[in-house]
Structure formats: structure tokens, C-alpha cells
Protein backbone atom coordinates (compact mmCIF):
# COMPACT_ATOMS: atom_id res chain seq x y z
CA MET A 1 -11.04 86.60 36.22
CA GLY A 2 -12.10 86.50 32.52
CA GLN A 3 -11.97 83.77 30.14
CA ALA A 4 -9.59 85.04 27.97
CA SER A 5 -7.54 85.49 31.51
CA ILE A 6 -7.95 81.78 32.43
CA ALA A 7 -6.77 80.61 28.66
CA GLU A 8 -3.65 82.30 28.83
CA ARG A 9 -3.06 81.44 32.53
CA VAL A 10 -3.77 77.50 31.30
CA ARG A 11 -1.77 77.88 28.01
CA ALA A 12 1.64 78.99 30.12
CA ILE A 13 1.01 76.41 32.21
CA ALA A 14 0.68 74.10 29.57
CA GLU A 15 3.47 75.43 27.99
CA ARG A 16 5.89 74.91 30.70
CA VAL A 17 4.83 71.39 31.10
CA ALA A 18 5.44 70.28 27.51
CA LEU A 19 8.43 71.36 27.70
CA ASP A 20 9.66 70.15 30.82
CA HIS A 21 8.81 66.51 29.03
CA LYS A 22 10.03 68.02 26.04
CA LEU A 23 7.00 67.96 24.66
CA GLU A 24 5.52 70.53 21.55
CA LEU A 25 2.85 72.13 22.98
CA VAL A 26 0.35 72.51 19.90
CA HIS A 27 -2.42 73.96 21.76
CA ALA A 28 -4.51 74.72 24.91
CA GLU A 29 -7.92 76.37 25.26
CA VAL A 30 -11.23 75.87 28.06
CA ALA A 31 -14.34 75.71 26.11
CA GLY A 32 -17.86 75.41 27.78
CA PRO A 33 -19.59 76.97 29.84
CA ASP A 34 -18.04 78.58 32.88
CA ASN A 35 -20.17 76.27 35.31
CA LYS A 36 -18.09 73.51 33.60
CA PRO A 37 -15.28 74.06 31.72
CA ILE A 38 -13.33 71.75 29.63
CA VAL A 39 -9.71 72.32 29.65
CA ARG A 40 -7.77 71.03 26.26
CA VAL A 41 -4.47 70.25 26.36
CA PHE A 42 -2.98 69.23 22.79
CA ILE A 43 0.92 68.12 22.54
CA ASP A 44 3.27 66.50 20.15
CA LYS A 45 6.73 64.92 19.65
CA PRO A 46 8.09 64.26 16.21
CA ASP A 47 7.47 60.65 16.57
CA GLY A 48 4.06 60.84 17.90
CA VAL A 49 3.06 61.31 21.28
CA THR A 50 1.75 58.03 23.75
CA HIS A 51 -0.81 57.39 26.05
CA GLY A 52 2.02 57.76 28.47
CA ASP A 53 2.88 61.46 27.35
CA CYS A 54 -0.52 62.09 27.94
CA SER A 55 -1.28 61.15 31.31
CA GLU A 56 2.44 62.65 32.49
CA VAL A 57 0.98 65.63 31.13
CA SER A 58 -2.38 65.74 32.35
CA LEU A 59 -1.05 64.91 36.07
CA HIS A 60 0.95 67.53 35.90
CA VAL A 61 -1.15 70.12 34.29
CA GLY A 62 -3.97 69.12 36.62
CA THR A 63 -1.49 69.37 40.21
CA ILE A 64 -0.90 73.07 39.00
CA LEU A 65 -4.11 74.17 38.33
CA ASP A 66 -5.95 72.41 41.76
CA VAL A 67 -2.86 74.02 42.85
CA GLU A 68 -3.19 77.15 42.08
CA ASP A 69 -6.87 77.26 41.83
CA PHE A 70 -8.21 79.77 39.02
CA ILE A 71 -10.43 78.21 37.63
CA HIS A 72 -13.63 78.63 40.04
CA ALA A 73 -15.61 75.86 38.39
CA ALA A 74 -15.32 71.82 38.43
CA TYR A 75 -13.54 71.60 34.89
CA THR A 76 -12.48 68.80 33.00
CA LEU A 77 -8.74 67.87 32.03
CA GLU A 78 -8.00 66.76 28.50
CA VAL A 79 -4.67 66.07 27.26
CA SER A 80 -4.29 64.34 23.69
CA SER A 81 -2.58 64.44 20.40
CA PRO A 82 -3.34 66.91 17.64
CA GLY A 83 -4.63 63.85 15.62
CA LEU A 84 -4.12 63.25 11.89
CA GLU A 85 -5.47 66.66 10.83
CA ARG A 86 -4.04 68.80 13.30
CA GLY A 87 -5.01 72.56 13.54
CA LEU A 88 -2.42 75.00 12.66
CA TYR A 89 -2.31 78.00 15.36
CA LYS A 90 1.04 79.41 14.93
CA ARG A 91 3.21 81.02 12.40
CA GLN A 92 5.69 78.15 12.97
CA ASP A 93 2.94 76.00 12.20
CA TYR A 94 2.49 76.62 8.50
CA GLU A 95 6.33 76.57 8.02
CA ARG A 96 6.62 73.61 9.69
CA PHE A 97 3.93 72.25 6.91
CA ALA A 98 4.79 73.67 4.13
CA GLY A 99 3.37 71.55 0.85
CA HIS A 100 1.02 69.54 3.06
CA PRO A 101 -2.98 69.79 2.21
CA ALA A 102 -5.06 71.77 4.56
CA LYS A 103 -7.92 73.66 4.74
CA MET A 104 -8.65 77.19 6.19
CA LYS A 105 -11.33 79.80 6.79
CA SER A 106 -10.62 82.97 6.85
CA ARG A 107 -12.33 85.62 9.31
CA THR A 108 -12.39 88.39 6.36
CA PRO A 109 -12.81 87.68 2.71
CA VAL A 110 -10.09 87.12 0.51
CA ASN A 111 -11.06 88.20 -3.27
CA GLY A 112 -13.99 87.10 -1.98
CA GLN A 113 -13.26 83.99 -0.60
CA ARG A 114 -13.39 82.68 3.24
CA ASN A 115 -13.03 79.12 3.26
CA PHE A 116 -9.81 77.46 0.93
CA ARG A 117 -9.08 74.06 0.63
CA GLY A 118 -5.54 73.12 -0.99
CA HIS A 119 -2.01 73.29 -0.20
CA ILE A 120 0.17 75.79 2.30
CA ILE A 121 3.11 77.48 0.21
CA GLY A 122 4.66 78.80 3.51
CA ILE A 123 4.80 81.93 5.08
CA GLU A 124 5.84 85.62 3.58
CA ASP A 125 6.02 88.40 6.23
CA GLU A 126 2.69 87.82 7.98
CA GLN A 127 1.10 86.08 5.62
CA VAL A 128 0.04 82.69 4.59
CA ILE A 129 0.47 81.36 1.03
CA PHE A 130 -1.55 78.81 0.19
CA GLU A 131 -2.71 77.10 -3.46
CA ASP A 132 -6.38 77.21 -3.28
CA LYS A 133 -8.14 74.00 -5.11
CA THR A 134 -10.63 76.51 -6.52
CA SER A 135 -8.94 80.18 -6.93
CA GLY A 136 -4.76 79.60 -7.22
CA ARG A 137 -2.59 81.08 -5.12
CA VAL A 138 -4.09 83.45 -2.50
CA SER A 139 -1.88 85.46 0.32
CA VAL A 140 -4.43 84.98 3.49
CA PRO A 141 -3.32 87.25 6.62
CA LEU A 142 -2.03 85.22 9.54
CA ASP A 143 -4.46 87.04 11.79
CA ALA A 144 -6.79 87.00 10.17
CA ILE A 145 -7.07 82.99 10.00
CA VAL A 146 -10.21 82.09 12.05
CA LYS A 147 -9.67 78.29 11.52
CA ALA A 148 -6.81 75.46 9.79
CA ASN A 149 -6.34 72.58 9.80
CA LEU A 150 -4.00 69.98 7.91
CA GLU A 151 -6.12 67.43 5.68
CA ILE A 152 -5.58 63.82 5.19
CA ASP A 153 -5.25 63.38 1.53
CA ILE A 154 -6.78 59.31 1.13
CA GLU A 155 -5.98 58.58 -2.22
CA GLU A 156 -2.67 59.80 -1.68
CA GLU A 157 -2.23 57.67 1.20
CA PHE A 158 -3.16 54.57 -0.52
CA ARG A 159 -0.79 55.14 -3.21
CA ARG A 160 2.11 55.89 -0.70
CA VAL A 161 1.08 52.31 0.94
CA LYS A 162 0.88 50.46 -2.32
CA ARG A 163 4.18 52.16 -3.37
CA PHE A 164 5.56 50.54 -0.20
CA GLU A 165 4.81 47.09 -0.42
CA ALA A 166 5.64 46.67 -4.31
CA VAL A 167 9.04 48.06 -2.57
CA GLU A 168 9.34 45.40 0.08
CA ALA A 169 7.73 42.39 -2.46
CA GLY A 170 9.96 43.45 -4.57
CA ALA A 171 13.11 43.36 -2.23
CA LYS A 172 11.68 39.70 -1.19
CA SER A 173 11.68 38.13 -4.17
CA ASP A 174 15.47 39.49 -5.12
CA GLY A 175 16.78 37.51 -1.80
CA ARG A 176 17.50 40.32 -0.13
CA LYS A 177 16.96 40.51 3.78
CA HIS A 178 14.52 43.56 4.48
CA ASN A 179 13.54 44.51 8.18
């Protein structure tokens, strides 16, 4: 069985297990050498995944992989959250994270450029609309994107925390009880 079909079967199993646990399968992949593959499964849910979520998915995915036995080598199974700078893999990811800062790499150049950093505007037809810091608004074919990730704007996060702290301090000074 080829690597592509192994990866497809792993993804299908991970998708089924994630749905059973009311989780989103962000991505599943098989990496590493054929004689020692690493199966990676990234899961998420609106309020974030817990260690327990990862443990449950790992147990169920691992059990199914062991029973079906189509990976013909000792493998390592890793189940985790996608992290703050989560990867973007599906059309729905670009719709969901419209307005967020991100970075993208295209297989083929768009206006002479392959690497983009800026904000996701959205998706139209099969094109990701992206506001790049260098070249402005570009349309990148979805199937030409090799890698894309959300990007955390640390300065904006610090500003957001300071605004929150200012609101909290104001609420305490005017005598209101705030939880």
C-alpha cells in the first residue's frame, strides 16, 4: 500500500473518531521514513482541546490502526491541538479565519511572488483572497497553496490584554462587582 493511500485511510479513521468525540479533525498526516512512520492527528473544538480529548482520540485511533494493521511498521502516534498558529488545510479554514493574520506559500508564483504574509480576506470560487503586506490584495488558487498558517500578532495581543486590564481596573474602581 502506498504512502498516499495509507495517509487517506489514517485521515478517514481520525475523522470518524473526531466526529464521535464531537471534535474537529484539523489535519492528519503520515510522515517520516517507511520503516518508522509518525502518524500525526490535530484536533480542535471551539473552547480548545484538553489533554483528555487528545488521550481519548489517541486511544481510539491507535486501537483502530492496530486492528486494521495496514501500517506495516512500528509507528508513533501523536495527537495534539493545532496550536496558536494552526495550519490551514481546507476551504472552510479560510472562510472561518477571514480577517485573521496568516502566512502562506504558493506552489506557483502569483504576481511573481510565492510567499505571502498579511491577512486572509476570504475565499471566492477556488481562490483565497489575501491582503499581503508587500504586494496588496492577491488571489491565490486554493490548490496551489503548499502551506498556510495563522500568525499571532504579538503586539495586537499585548494591546488586547492592556485594554482588558484597563476595563477590569475601571470596573473595580467604580465599585461594581466583576467576575
